[in-house]
Amino acid sequence: MRVQLYYQNEPAGVTTFNLHGYTRSEAEDVARNVHKNAYLMKEIDEYLWGESE
């Protein structure tokens, strides 16, 4: 899955997630609900801002 990221309506980058092992319907559900997936949101945050403790 390829995710185009924006910050304040400006392009901020692109990141990808491997959905191998998911059924088509599971992958579609993940794509539809990225904002509800804590793991994906954490990975996106780390991509944009780097790891923070």
N, C-alpha and C. Protein backbone atom coordinates (compact mmCIF):
# COMPACT_ATOMS: atom_id res chain seq x y z
N MET A 1 0.85 -1.14 0.00
CA MET A 1 0.00 0.00 0.00
C MET A 1 0.92 1.23 0.00
N ARG A 2 0.64 2.16 -0.87
CA ARG A 2 1.40 3.40 -0.98
C ARG A 2 0.55 4.52 -0.38
N VAL A 3 1.15 5.29 0.53
CA VAL A 3 0.42 6.36 1.21
C VAL A 3 1.11 7.69 0.93
N GLN A 4 0.38 8.61 0.30
CA GLN A 4 0.87 9.97 0.08
C GLN A 4 0.54 10.78 1.32
N LEU A 5 1.53 11.40 1.92
CA LEU A 5 1.35 12.13 3.17
C LEU A 5 1.37 13.63 2.93
N TYR A 6 0.52 14.33 3.65
CA TYR A 6 0.42 15.79 3.56
C TYR A 6 0.50 16.38 4.96
N TYR A 7 1.10 17.56 5.05
CA TYR A 7 1.12 18.31 6.29
C TYR A 7 0.73 19.74 5.94
N GLN A 8 -0.33 20.23 6.56
CA GLN A 8 -0.88 21.56 6.28
C GLN A 8 -1.11 21.74 4.77
N ASN A 9 -1.74 20.73 4.17
CA ASN A 9 -2.10 20.71 2.75
C ASN A 9 -0.92 20.77 1.79
N GLU A 10 0.28 20.47 2.28
CA GLU A 10 1.47 20.42 1.43
C GLU A 10 2.00 18.98 1.44
N PRO A 11 2.46 18.49 0.27
CA PRO A 11 3.04 17.14 0.24
C PRO A 11 4.20 17.02 1.23
N ALA A 12 4.19 15.96 2.02
CA ALA A 12 5.22 15.76 3.03
C ALA A 12 6.00 14.48 2.81
N GLY A 13 5.60 13.67 1.85
CA GLY A 13 6.32 12.44 1.58
C GLY A 13 5.40 11.31 1.19
N VAL A 14 6.04 10.19 0.91
CA VAL A 14 5.32 8.97 0.52
C VAL A 14 5.94 7.83 1.31
N THR A 15 5.11 6.98 1.85
CA THR A 15 5.59 5.78 2.51
C THR A 15 4.77 4.59 2.03
N THR A 16 5.29 3.42 2.20
CA THR A 16 4.59 2.22 1.75
C THR A 16 4.51 1.20 2.88
N PHE A 17 3.49 0.36 2.80
CA PHE A 17 3.30 -0.72 3.74
C PHE A 17 3.04 -2.00 2.97
N ASN A 18 3.66 -3.07 3.38
CA ASN A 18 3.51 -4.37 2.76
C ASN A 18 2.24 -5.03 3.29
N LEU A 19 1.34 -5.38 2.40
CA LEU A 19 0.10 -6.06 2.81
C LEU A 19 0.08 -7.52 2.36
N HIS A 20 1.26 -8.09 2.12
CA HIS A 20 1.33 -9.50 1.80
C HIS A 20 0.79 -10.31 2.96
N GLY A 21 0.04 -11.33 2.66
CA GLY A 21 -0.54 -12.17 3.70
C GLY A 21 -1.96 -11.77 4.07
N TYR A 22 -2.38 -10.61 3.61
CA TYR A 22 -3.75 -10.17 3.84
C TYR A 22 -4.62 -10.65 2.67
N THR A 23 -5.85 -10.97 2.95
CA THR A 23 -6.79 -11.24 1.85
C THR A 23 -7.11 -9.90 1.20
N ARG A 24 -7.70 -9.94 0.03
CA ARG A 24 -8.06 -8.69 -0.65
C ARG A 24 -8.98 -7.84 0.22
N SER A 25 -9.99 -8.45 0.83
CA SER A 25 -10.92 -7.66 1.64
C SER A 25 -10.24 -7.11 2.90
N GLU A 26 -9.32 -7.87 3.50
CA GLU A 26 -8.58 -7.36 4.65
C GLU A 26 -7.70 -6.17 4.25
N ALA A 27 -7.02 -6.28 3.12
CA ALA A 27 -6.17 -5.20 2.64
C ALA A 27 -6.99 -3.95 2.34
N GLU A 28 -8.15 -4.13 1.73
CA GLU A 28 -9.03 -2.99 1.44
C GLU A 28 -9.50 -2.34 2.74
N ASP A 29 -9.80 -3.14 3.75
CA ASP A 29 -10.21 -2.61 5.03
C ASP A 29 -9.08 -1.81 5.69
N VAL A 30 -7.86 -2.32 5.63
CA VAL A 30 -6.70 -1.59 6.16
C VAL A 30 -6.56 -0.25 5.45
N ALA A 31 -6.66 -0.27 4.12
CA ALA A 31 -6.51 0.95 3.33
C ALA A 31 -7.61 1.97 3.66
N ARG A 32 -8.82 1.51 3.84
CA ARG A 32 -9.94 2.41 4.15
C ARG A 32 -9.82 3.04 5.54
N ASN A 33 -9.16 2.34 6.44
CA ASN A 33 -9.15 2.75 7.85
C ASN A 33 -7.75 3.02 8.39
N VAL A 34 -6.88 3.55 7.55
CA VAL A 34 -5.52 3.85 8.00
C VAL A 34 -5.55 4.68 9.28
N HIS A 35 -6.40 5.68 9.32
CA HIS A 35 -6.46 6.59 10.47
C HIS A 35 -6.89 5.91 11.77
N LYS A 36 -7.47 4.72 11.68
CA LYS A 36 -7.90 3.99 12.87
C LYS A 36 -6.89 2.92 13.29
N ASN A 37 -5.82 2.76 12.52
CA ASN A 37 -4.84 1.71 12.78
C ASN A 37 -3.66 2.31 13.55
N ALA A 38 -3.57 2.00 14.84
CA ALA A 38 -2.53 2.59 15.69
C ALA A 38 -1.13 2.29 15.17
N TYR A 39 -0.89 1.07 14.70
CA TYR A 39 0.43 0.71 14.19
C TYR A 39 0.80 1.56 12.97
N LEU A 40 -0.10 1.66 11.99
CA LEU A 40 0.20 2.45 10.80
C LEU A 40 0.38 3.93 11.14
N MET A 41 -0.43 4.46 12.02
CA MET A 41 -0.31 5.86 12.40
C MET A 41 1.02 6.12 13.10
N LYS A 42 1.47 5.19 13.92
CA LYS A 42 2.78 5.33 14.58
C LYS A 42 3.90 5.31 13.55
N GLU A 43 3.81 4.40 12.59
CA GLU A 43 4.83 4.31 11.54
C GLU A 43 4.85 5.59 10.69
N ILE A 44 3.69 6.13 10.38
CA ILE A 44 3.61 7.37 9.61
C ILE A 44 4.21 8.51 10.42
N ASP A 45 3.89 8.59 11.68
CA ASP A 45 4.45 9.63 12.55
C ASP A 45 5.97 9.54 12.59
N GLU A 46 6.50 8.33 12.74
CA GLU A 46 7.94 8.15 12.78
C GLU A 46 8.57 8.50 11.43
N TYR A 47 7.90 8.20 10.35
CA TYR A 47 8.40 8.57 9.02
C TYR A 47 8.51 10.09 8.90
N LEU A 48 7.48 10.79 9.34
CA LEU A 48 7.45 12.25 9.21
C LEU A 48 8.37 12.96 10.20
N TRP A 49 8.42 12.48 11.43
CA TRP A 49 9.10 13.24 12.49
C TRP A 49 10.29 12.52 13.08
N GLY A 50 10.52 11.27 12.72
CA GLY A 50 11.60 10.50 13.31
C GLY A 50 11.15 9.88 14.61
N GLU A 51 11.91 8.93 15.08
CA GLU A 51 11.56 8.26 16.33
C GLU A 51 11.77 9.20 17.49
N SER A 52 10.83 9.20 18.41
CA SER A 52 10.96 10.01 19.63
C SER A 52 10.56 9.17 20.83
N GLU A 53 11.20 9.42 21.89
CA GLU A 53 10.93 8.66 23.12
C GLU A 53 10.04 9.46 24.02
